[in-house]
Amino acid sequence: MPAPMNDLLATAVDAHGGLDRWNQITSITVDACVTGGLWALKGQDDALKDVILEVDTTRERLTIDFAGQDKRSVFEPGRVTVERRDGTLTEARDDPERSFDGHRLDTPWDDIHLAYFTGEALWTYLNTPFLYTWPGFATEEIPSIEANGETWRRLQVTFPDHVKSHTRRQISCFGPDGLLRRHDFTIDVLGGATGMLYATGYRDAGGIIIPATRRGFAWQGDYEVVPEPLLVAIDLGEVTVR
């Protein structure tokens, strides 16, 4: 059974297309360009500049197809694989989160690290806010903030242990229209580095309202943005829901 929704979560779910429509789909496929300073820090500068992401909306799974390469990765919480397009396995790692132990913001990544981080991050982003209705999630509205000339209502979300994401407790900020404006968190596999991701450019993809543009920065103090450098830029091209 879905977790009970408080008023803010119900408002956000309705604004993003509604739970009835969401429950009719099983995947979201997007043409994506993912860039920003984080990837250079990790020695993966343009690795995600032209990719196709397939996001499962019923369980935690994300596939990355790398354009122009005979390569795709499959992220699941307990295992990450890298395969050729015909399914031939080239690399695999069980319990992949453990391979980040001791990492800092500037620790280099291999291809499995990249696939794991991208998987848990983009899977969370593209399932928000519907993900928060799943069993095991706890949500609480916390004090609103004033930002960009608007009042943003804030939802504090505690993730269950079995769902891999940036960290267990995260905050989603929603505008007066109920749409996500910003997502605030720390990142366990980056040694607790801070992150805030601004969402804009909303469009309707088969009845689901999805932001086509996200921009990620660090924060300090009481969620004060650090404007430089731009750490993550996510730009979506074609979006297909099935």
C-alpha atoms as a PDB file:
ATOM      1  CA  MET A   1       0.000   0.000   0.000  1.00  0.00           C
ATOM      2  CA  PRO A   2       1.237   3.547  -0.727  1.00  0.00           C
ATOM      3  CA  ALA A   3       2.327   5.659   2.215  1.00  0.00           C
ATOM      4  CA  PRO A   4      -0.272   8.210   3.357  1.00  0.00           C
ATOM      5  CA  MET A   5       0.240  11.606   1.742  1.00  0.00           C
ATOM      6  CA  ASN A   6       0.308  14.860   3.658  1.00  0.00           C
ATOM      7  CA  ASP A   7      -1.141  17.989   2.049  1.00  0.00           C
ATOM      8  CA  LEU A   8       2.105  19.174   0.463  1.00  0.00           C
ATOM      9  CA  LEU A   9       2.969  15.794  -1.041  1.00  0.00           C
ATOM     10  CA  ALA A  10      -0.571  15.411  -2.383  1.00  0.00           C
ATOM     11  CA  THR A  11      -0.360  18.888  -3.954  1.00  0.00           C
ATOM     12  CA  ALA A  12       3.004  18.093  -5.549  1.00  0.00           C
ATOM     13  CA  VAL A  13       1.908  14.708  -6.887  1.00  0.00           C
ATOM     14  CA  ASP A  14      -1.190  16.268  -8.481  1.00  0.00           C
ATOM     15  CA  ALA A  15       0.853  19.094 -10.016  1.00  0.00           C
ATOM     16  CA  HIS A  16       3.265  16.626 -11.627  1.00  0.00           C
ATOM     17  CA  GLY A  17       0.509  14.631 -13.317  1.00  0.00           C
ATOM     18  CA  GLY A  18      -1.268  12.750 -10.557  1.00  0.00           C
ATOM     19  CA  LEU A  19      -0.859   9.306  -9.073  1.00  0.00           C
ATOM     20  CA  ASP A  20      -3.476   7.690 -11.337  1.00  0.00           C
ATOM     21  CA  ARG A  21      -1.526   8.619 -14.470  1.00  0.00           C
ATOM     22  CA  TRP A  22       1.802   7.722 -12.854  1.00  0.00           C
ATOM     23  CA  ASN A  23       0.562   4.262 -11.953  1.00  0.00           C
ATOM     24  CA  GLN A  24      -0.229   3.627 -15.634  1.00  0.00           C
ATOM     25  CA  ILE A  25       3.415   3.903 -16.686  1.00  0.00           C
ATOM     26  CA  THR A  26       6.419   1.667 -16.055  1.00  0.00           C
ATOM     27  CA  SER A  27       9.347   3.604 -17.551  1.00  0.00           C
ATOM     28  CA  ILE A  28      10.659   6.993 -18.644  1.00  0.00           C
ATOM     29  CA  THR A  29      13.197   7.179 -21.475  1.00  0.00           C
ATOM     30  CA  VAL A  30      15.088  10.426 -22.032  1.00  0.00           C
ATOM     31  CA  ASP A  31      17.768  11.728 -24.372  1.00  0.00           C
ATOM     32  CA  ALA A  32      20.048  13.548 -21.950  1.00  0.00           C
ATOM     33  CA  CYS A  33      23.125  15.725 -21.805  1.00  0.00           C
ATOM     34  CA  VAL A  34      24.670  15.651 -18.325  1.00  0.00           C
ATOM     35  CA  THR A  35      27.658  17.956 -17.815  1.00  0.00           C
ATOM     36  CA  GLY A  36      29.217  20.206 -15.155  1.00  0.00           C
ATOM     37  CA  GLY A  37      32.292  20.477 -13.006  1.00  0.00           C
ATOM     38  CA  LEU A  38      31.647  17.330 -10.941  1.00  0.00           C
ATOM     39  CA  TRP A  39      32.456  15.006 -13.826  1.00  0.00           C
ATOM     40  CA  ALA A  40      35.816  16.675 -14.478  1.00  0.00           C
ATOM     41  CA  LEU A  41      36.693  16.271 -10.789  1.00  0.00           C
ATOM     42  CA  LYS A  42      36.032  12.560 -11.196  1.00  0.00           C
ATOM     43  CA  GLY A  43      38.037  12.166 -14.424  1.00  0.00           C
ATOM     44  CA  GLN A  44      34.826  11.578 -16.401  1.00  0.00           C
ATOM     45  CA  ASP A  45      34.579  14.940 -18.190  1.00  0.00           C
ATOM     46  CA  ASP A  46      32.241  14.264 -21.125  1.00  0.00           C
ATOM     47  CA  ALA A  47      31.172  10.708 -20.267  1.00  0.00           C
ATOM     48  CA  LEU A  48      27.481  11.655 -20.047  1.00  0.00           C
ATOM     49  CA  LYS A  49      27.323  14.389 -22.678  1.00  0.00           C
ATOM     50  CA  ASP A  50      25.149  12.310 -25.024  1.00  0.00           C
ATOM     51  CA  VAL A  51      23.286   9.442 -23.375  1.00  0.00           C
ATOM     52  CA  ILE A  52      19.897   7.756 -23.369  1.00  0.00           C
ATOM     53  CA  LEU A  53      18.535   7.015 -19.905  1.00  0.00           C
ATOM     54  CA  GLU A  54      15.810   4.452 -19.281  1.00  0.00           C
ATOM     55  CA  VAL A  55      14.333   4.873 -15.819  1.00  0.00           C
ATOM     56  CA  ASP A  56      12.152   2.166 -14.286  1.00  0.00           C
ATOM     57  CA  THR A  57       9.235   3.702 -12.394  1.00  0.00           C
ATOM     58  CA  THR A  58       8.249   0.507 -10.582  1.00  0.00           C
ATOM     59  CA  ARG A  59      11.590  -0.499  -9.023  1.00  0.00           C
ATOM     60  CA  GLU A  60      15.056   0.983  -8.595  1.00  0.00           C
ATOM     61  CA  ARG A  61      16.735   0.401 -11.938  1.00  0.00           C
ATOM     62  CA  LEU A  62      18.305   2.737 -14.522  1.00  0.00           C
ATOM     63  CA  THR A  63      20.007   1.911 -17.811  1.00  0.00           C
ATOM     64  CA  ILE A  64      22.440   4.249 -19.572  1.00  0.00           C
ATOM     65  CA  ASP A  65      23.105   3.858 -23.304  1.00  0.00           C
ATOM     66  CA  PHE A  66      26.260   5.707 -24.342  1.00  0.00           C
ATOM     67  CA  ALA A  67      25.863   7.289 -27.782  1.00  0.00           C
ATOM     68  CA  GLY A  68      28.380   6.192 -30.384  1.00  0.00           C
ATOM     69  CA  GLN A  69      29.751   3.430 -28.164  1.00  0.00           C
ATOM     70  CA  ASP A  70      28.998  -0.247 -27.921  1.00  0.00           C
ATOM     71  CA  LYS A  71      28.332   0.225 -24.214  1.00  0.00           C
ATOM     72  CA  ARG A  72      25.516   0.475 -21.741  1.00  0.00           C
ATOM     73  CA  SER A  73      25.367   0.319 -17.958  1.00  0.00           C
ATOM     74  CA  VAL A  74      22.641  -1.090 -15.733  1.00  0.00           C
ATOM     75  CA  PHE A  75      22.246   0.266 -12.209  1.00  0.00           C
ATOM     76  CA  GLU A  76      20.407  -1.598  -9.469  1.00  0.00           C
ATOM     77  CA  PRO A  77      20.980  -1.017  -5.732  1.00  0.00           C
ATOM     78  CA  GLY A  78      22.924  -4.228  -5.161  1.00  0.00           C
ATOM     79  CA  ARG A  79      24.699  -4.583  -8.505  1.00  0.00           C
ATOM     80  CA  VAL A  80      25.986  -2.461 -11.373  1.00  0.00           C
ATOM     81  CA  THR A  81      26.987  -3.904 -14.728  1.00  0.00           C
ATOM     82  CA  VAL A  82      28.572  -2.577 -17.903  1.00  0.00           C
ATOM     83  CA  GLU A  83      27.592  -4.449 -21.055  1.00  0.00           C
ATOM     84  CA  ARG A  84      27.898  -4.340 -24.810  1.00  0.00           C
ATOM     85  CA  ARG A  85      24.702  -3.559 -26.663  1.00  0.00           C
ATOM     86  CA  ASP A  86      24.122  -7.251 -27.337  1.00  0.00           C
ATOM     87  CA  GLY A  87      24.112  -7.892 -23.585  1.00  0.00           C
ATOM     88  CA  THR A  88      27.655  -9.278 -23.310  1.00  0.00           C
ATOM     89  CA  LEU A  89      28.909  -8.483 -19.817  1.00  0.00           C
ATOM     90  CA  THR A  90      32.199  -6.548 -19.657  1.00  0.00           C
ATOM     91  CA  GLU A  91      32.265  -5.348 -16.029  1.00  0.00           C
ATOM     92  CA  ALA A  92      30.209  -5.948 -12.898  1.00  0.00           C
ATOM     93  CA  ARG A  93      30.304  -4.997  -9.224  1.00  0.00           C
ATOM     94  CA  ASP A  94      28.131  -6.365  -6.433  1.00  0.00           C
ATOM     95  CA  ASP A  95      27.344  -4.171  -3.413  1.00  0.00           C
ATOM     96  CA  PRO A  96      28.645  -1.212  -5.454  1.00  0.00           C
ATOM     97  CA  GLU A  97      28.021   1.411  -2.778  1.00  0.00           C
ATOM     98  CA  ARG A  98      30.852  -0.082  -0.695  1.00  0.00           C
ATOM     99  CA  SER A  99      33.364   0.806  -3.412  1.00  0.00           C
ATOM    100  CA  PHE A 100      32.907   4.495  -2.478  1.00  0.00           C
ATOM    101  CA  ASP A 101      34.143   3.986   1.084  1.00  0.00           C
ATOM    102  CA  GLY A 102      36.697   6.667   1.939  1.00  0.00           C
ATOM    103  CA  HIS A 103      35.908   8.751  -1.161  1.00  0.00           C
ATOM    104  CA  ARG A 104      36.116  12.520  -1.099  1.00  0.00           C
ATOM    105  CA  LEU A 105      34.819  15.057  -3.605  1.00  0.00           C
ATOM    106  CA  ASP A 106      37.968  14.796  -5.749  1.00  0.00           C
ATOM    107  CA  THR A 107      38.458  10.994  -5.640  1.00  0.00           C
ATOM    108  CA  PRO A 108      38.548   9.679  -9.262  1.00  0.00           C
ATOM    109  CA  TRP A 109      35.833   7.324 -10.481  1.00  0.00           C
ATOM    110  CA  ASP A 110      35.912   4.271 -12.712  1.00  0.00           C
ATOM    111  CA  ASP A 111      33.051   3.358 -15.062  1.00  0.00           C
ATOM    112  CA  ILE A 112      31.167   1.443 -12.356  1.00  0.00           C
ATOM    113  CA  HIS A 113      31.361   4.371  -9.947  1.00  0.00           C
ATOM    114  CA  LEU A 114      29.989   6.616 -12.694  1.00  0.00           C
ATOM    115  CA  ALA A 115      27.132   4.219 -13.470  1.00  0.00           C
ATOM    116  CA  TYR A 116      26.219   3.815  -9.797  1.00  0.00           C
ATOM    117  CA  PHE A 117      26.165   7.519  -8.984  1.00  0.00           C
ATOM    118  CA  THR A 118      24.317   8.463 -12.163  1.00  0.00           C
ATOM    119  CA  GLY A 119      21.865   5.636 -11.564  1.00  0.00           C
ATOM    120  CA  GLU A 120      20.920   6.485  -8.006  1.00  0.00           C
ATOM    121  CA  ALA A 121      20.831  10.215  -8.770  1.00  0.00           C
ATOM    122  CA  LEU A 122      18.816  10.298 -11.999  1.00  0.00           C
ATOM    123  CA  TRP A 123      16.533   7.495 -10.856  1.00  0.00           C
ATOM    124  CA  THR A 124      15.639   9.589  -7.798  1.00  0.00           C
ATOM    125  CA  TYR A 125      15.237  12.818  -9.769  1.00  0.00           C
ATOM    126  CA  LEU A 126      13.008  11.395 -12.503  1.00  0.00           C
ATOM    127  CA  ASN A 127      10.758   9.546 -10.056  1.00  0.00           C
ATOM    128  CA  THR A 128      10.234  12.619  -7.843  1.00  0.00           C
ATOM    129  CA  PRO A 129       7.753  13.364  -6.270  1.00  0.00           C
ATOM    130  CA  PHE A 130       5.862  10.117  -6.947  1.00  0.00           C
ATOM    131  CA  LEU A 131       8.623   8.086  -5.328  1.00  0.00           C
ATOM    132  CA  TYR A 132       7.785   9.653  -1.981  1.00  0.00           C
ATOM    133  CA  THR A 133       4.423   7.860  -1.905  1.00  0.00           C
ATOM    134  CA  TRP A 134       6.099   4.441  -1.778  1.00  0.00           C
ATOM    135  CA  PRO A 135       5.945   2.300   1.361  1.00  0.00           C
ATOM    136  CA  GLY A 136       8.794   3.037   3.747  1.00  0.00           C
ATOM    137  CA  PHE A 137       9.154   6.726   2.867  1.00  0.00           C
ATOM    138  CA  ALA A 138       8.447   9.271   5.617  1.00  0.00           C
ATOM    139  CA  THR A 139       7.542  12.844   4.678  1.00  0.00           C
ATOM    140  CA  GLU A 140       7.048  15.955   6.751  1.00  0.00           C
ATOM    141  CA  GLU A 141       6.361  19.538   5.737  1.00  0.00           C
ATOM    142  CA  ILE A 142       8.918  21.879   7.297  1.00  0.00           C
ATOM    143  CA  PRO A 143       8.954  25.711   7.355  1.00  0.00           C
ATOM    144  CA  SER A 144       8.657  27.423   3.980  1.00  0.00           C
ATOM    145  CA  ILE A 145      11.314  29.711   2.539  1.00  0.00           C
ATOM    146  CA  GLU A 146      11.246  32.781   0.322  1.00  0.00           C
ATOM    147  CA  ALA A 147      13.256  32.315  -2.867  1.00  0.00           C
ATOM    148  CA  ASN A 148      13.221  33.831  -6.366  1.00  0.00           C
ATOM    149  CA  GLY A 149      10.304  36.057  -5.412  1.00  0.00           C
ATOM    150  CA  GLU A 150       8.133  33.099  -4.389  1.00  0.00           C
ATOM    151  CA  THR A 151       7.197  31.174  -1.282  1.00  0.00           C
ATOM    152  CA  TRP A 152       8.516  27.623  -1.542  1.00  0.00           C
ATOM    153  CA  ARG A 153       6.930  24.969   0.615  1.00  0.00           C
ATOM    154  CA  ARG A 154       9.442  22.365   1.751  1.00  0.00           C
ATOM    155  CA  LEU A 155       8.994  18.643   2.151  1.00  0.00           C
ATOM    156  CA  GLN A 156      11.540  16.759   4.242  1.00  0.00           C
ATOM    157  CA  VAL A 157      11.766  13.191   2.978  1.00  0.00           C
ATOM    158  CA  THR A 158      13.371  10.265   4.795  1.00  0.00           C
ATOM    159  CA  PHE A 159      14.244   7.392   2.458  1.00  0.00           C
ATOM    160  CA  PRO A 160      14.046   3.749   3.543  1.00  0.00           C
ATOM    161  CA  ASP A 161      17.388   1.942   3.818  1.00  0.00           C
ATOM    162  CA  HIS A 162      16.767  -0.311   0.812  1.00  0.00           C
ATOM    163  CA  VAL A 163      16.382   2.615  -1.605  1.00  0.00           C
ATOM    164  CA  LYS A 164      19.777   3.954  -2.666  1.00  0.00           C
ATOM    165  CA  SER A 165      19.946   7.708  -3.147  1.00  0.00           C
ATOM    166  CA  HIS A 166      22.210  10.617  -2.220  1.00  0.00           C
ATOM    167  CA  THR A 167      21.462  10.335   1.484  1.00  0.00           C
ATOM    168  CA  ARG A 168      18.599   9.168   3.678  1.00  0.00           C
ATOM    169  CA  ARG A 169      17.142  12.618   4.472  1.00  0.00           C
ATOM    170  CA  GLN A 170      16.527  15.092   1.655  1.00  0.00           C
ATOM    171  CA  ILE A 171      14.403  18.227   1.128  1.00  0.00           C
ATOM    172  CA  SER A 172      12.236  19.034  -1.884  1.00  0.00           C
ATOM    173  CA  CYS A 173      11.076  22.642  -2.353  1.00  0.00           C
ATOM    174  CA  PHE A 174       7.837  23.263  -4.268  1.00  0.00           C
ATOM    175  CA  GLY A 175       6.546  26.510  -5.762  1.00  0.00           C
ATOM    176  CA  PRO A 176       3.024  27.955  -5.505  1.00  0.00           C
ATOM    177  CA  ASP A 177       2.005  25.818  -8.511  1.00  0.00           C
ATOM    178  CA  GLY A 178       3.067  22.638  -6.699  1.00  0.00           C
ATOM    179  CA  LEU A 179       5.986  21.973  -9.063  1.00  0.00           C
ATOM    180  CA  LEU A 180       9.469  21.143  -7.790  1.00  0.00           C
ATOM    181  CA  ARG A 181      11.736  24.188  -7.719  1.00  0.00           C
ATOM    182  CA  ARG A 182      14.752  22.823  -5.866  1.00  0.00           C
ATOM    183  CA  HIS A 183      16.055  19.607  -4.338  1.00  0.00           C
ATOM    184  CA  ASP A 184      18.477  19.912  -1.369  1.00  0.00           C
ATOM    185  CA  PHE A 185      20.684  17.121  -0.040  1.00  0.00           C
ATOM    186  CA  THR A 186      24.111  15.907   0.975  1.00  0.00           C
ATOM    187  CA  ILE A 187      25.825  13.093  -0.932  1.00  0.00           C
ATOM    188  CA  ASP A 188      27.139  10.144   1.046  1.00  0.00           C
ATOM    189  CA  VAL A 189      29.329   8.722  -1.752  1.00  0.00           C
ATOM    190  CA  LEU A 190      30.997  12.131  -2.149  1.00  0.00           C
ATOM    191  CA  GLY A 191      32.017  12.231   1.499  1.00  0.00           C
ATOM    192  CA  GLY A 192      28.942  14.218   2.544  1.00  0.00           C
ATOM    193  CA  ALA A 193      29.361  16.993  -0.045  1.00  0.00           C
ATOM    194  CA  THR A 194      26.400  19.363  -0.281  1.00  0.00           C
ATOM    195  CA  GLY A 195      24.132  19.664  -3.298  1.00  0.00           C
ATOM    196  CA  MET A 196      21.104  21.668  -4.396  1.00  0.00           C
ATOM    197  CA  LEU A 197      19.478  21.059  -7.748  1.00  0.00           C
ATOM    198  CA  TYR A 198      17.247  23.712  -9.348  1.00  0.00           C
ATOM    199  CA  ALA A 199      14.483  22.405 -11.631  1.00  0.00           C
ATOM    200  CA  THR A 200      13.079  24.475 -14.524  1.00  0.00           C
ATOM    201  CA  GLY A 201      11.772  24.129 -18.078  1.00  0.00           C
ATOM    202  CA  TYR A 202       8.779  21.950 -17.255  1.00  0.00           C
ATOM    203  CA  ARG A 203       7.039  20.090 -20.031  1.00  0.00           C
ATOM    204  CA  ASP A 204       4.247  17.562 -20.376  1.00  0.00           C
ATOM    205  CA  ALA A 205       5.464  14.083 -21.342  1.00  0.00           C
ATOM    206  CA  GLY A 206       2.442  11.860 -21.808  1.00  0.00           C
ATOM    207  CA  GLY A 207       0.613  13.435 -18.884  1.00  0.00           C
ATOM    208  CA  ILE A 208       3.622  13.507 -16.551  1.00  0.00           C
ATOM    209  CA  ILE A 209       5.071  16.961 -15.900  1.00  0.00           C
ATOM    210  CA  ILE A 210       8.877  16.781 -15.954  1.00  0.00           C
ATOM    211  CA  PRO A 211      11.553  19.517 -15.701  1.00  0.00           C
ATOM    212  CA  ALA A 212      13.775  19.440 -18.779  1.00  0.00           C
ATOM    213  CA  THR A 213      16.533  21.458 -17.113  1.00  0.00           C
ATOM    214  CA  ARG A 214      18.295  20.992 -13.779  1.00  0.00           C
ATOM    215  CA  ARG A 215      21.280  22.872 -12.419  1.00  0.00           C
ATOM    216  CA  GLY A 216      23.243  21.694  -9.411  1.00  0.00           C
ATOM    217  CA  PHE A 217      25.418  23.675  -6.998  1.00  0.00           C
ATOM    218  CA  ALA A 218      26.925  23.224  -3.571  1.00  0.00           C
ATOM    219  CA  TRP A 219      25.371  24.933  -0.547  1.00  0.00           C
ATOM    220  CA  GLN A 220      26.705  26.186   2.767  1.00  0.00           C
ATOM    221  CA  GLY A 221      25.256  27.343   6.079  1.00  0.00           C
ATOM    222  CA  ASP A 222      21.445  27.410   6.076  1.00  0.00           C
ATOM    223  CA  TYR A 223      21.053  26.222   2.460  1.00  0.00           C
ATOM    224  CA  GLU A 224      22.852  29.206   0.968  1.00  0.00           C
ATOM    225  CA  VAL A 225      23.839  28.470  -2.626  1.00  0.00           C
ATOM    226  CA  VAL A 226      27.505  28.507  -3.637  1.00  0.00           C
ATOM    227  CA  PRO A 227      27.062  29.942  -7.169  1.00  0.00           C
ATOM    228  CA  GLU A 228      30.418  28.803  -8.566  1.00  0.00           C
ATOM    229  CA  PRO A 229      31.229  26.312  -9.869  1.00  0.00           C
ATOM    230  CA  LEU A 230      28.248  24.803 -11.633  1.00  0.00           C
ATOM    231  CA  LEU A 231      28.637  21.191 -10.513  1.00  0.00           C
ATOM    232  CA  VAL A 232      25.923  19.448 -12.526  1.00  0.00           C
ATOM    233  CA  ALA A 233      23.858  20.457 -15.573  1.00  0.00           C
ATOM    234  CA  ILE A 234      21.117  18.098 -16.747  1.00  0.00           C
ATOM    235  CA  ASP A 235      19.375  18.886 -20.032  1.00  0.00           C
ATOM    236  CA  LEU A 236      16.695  16.564 -21.386  1.00  0.00           C
ATOM    237  CA  GLY A 237      15.838  16.254 -25.038  1.00  0.00           C
ATOM    238  CA  GLU A 238      13.094  13.870 -26.087  1.00  0.00           C
ATOM    239  CA  VAL A 239      11.183  12.312 -23.189  1.00  0.00           C
ATOM    240  CA  THR A 240       9.010   9.220 -23.631  1.00  0.00           C
ATOM    241  CA  VAL A 241       6.837   7.597 -20.973  1.00  0.00           C
ATOM    242  CA  ARG A 242       5.598   4.034 -21.400  1.00  0.00           C
END
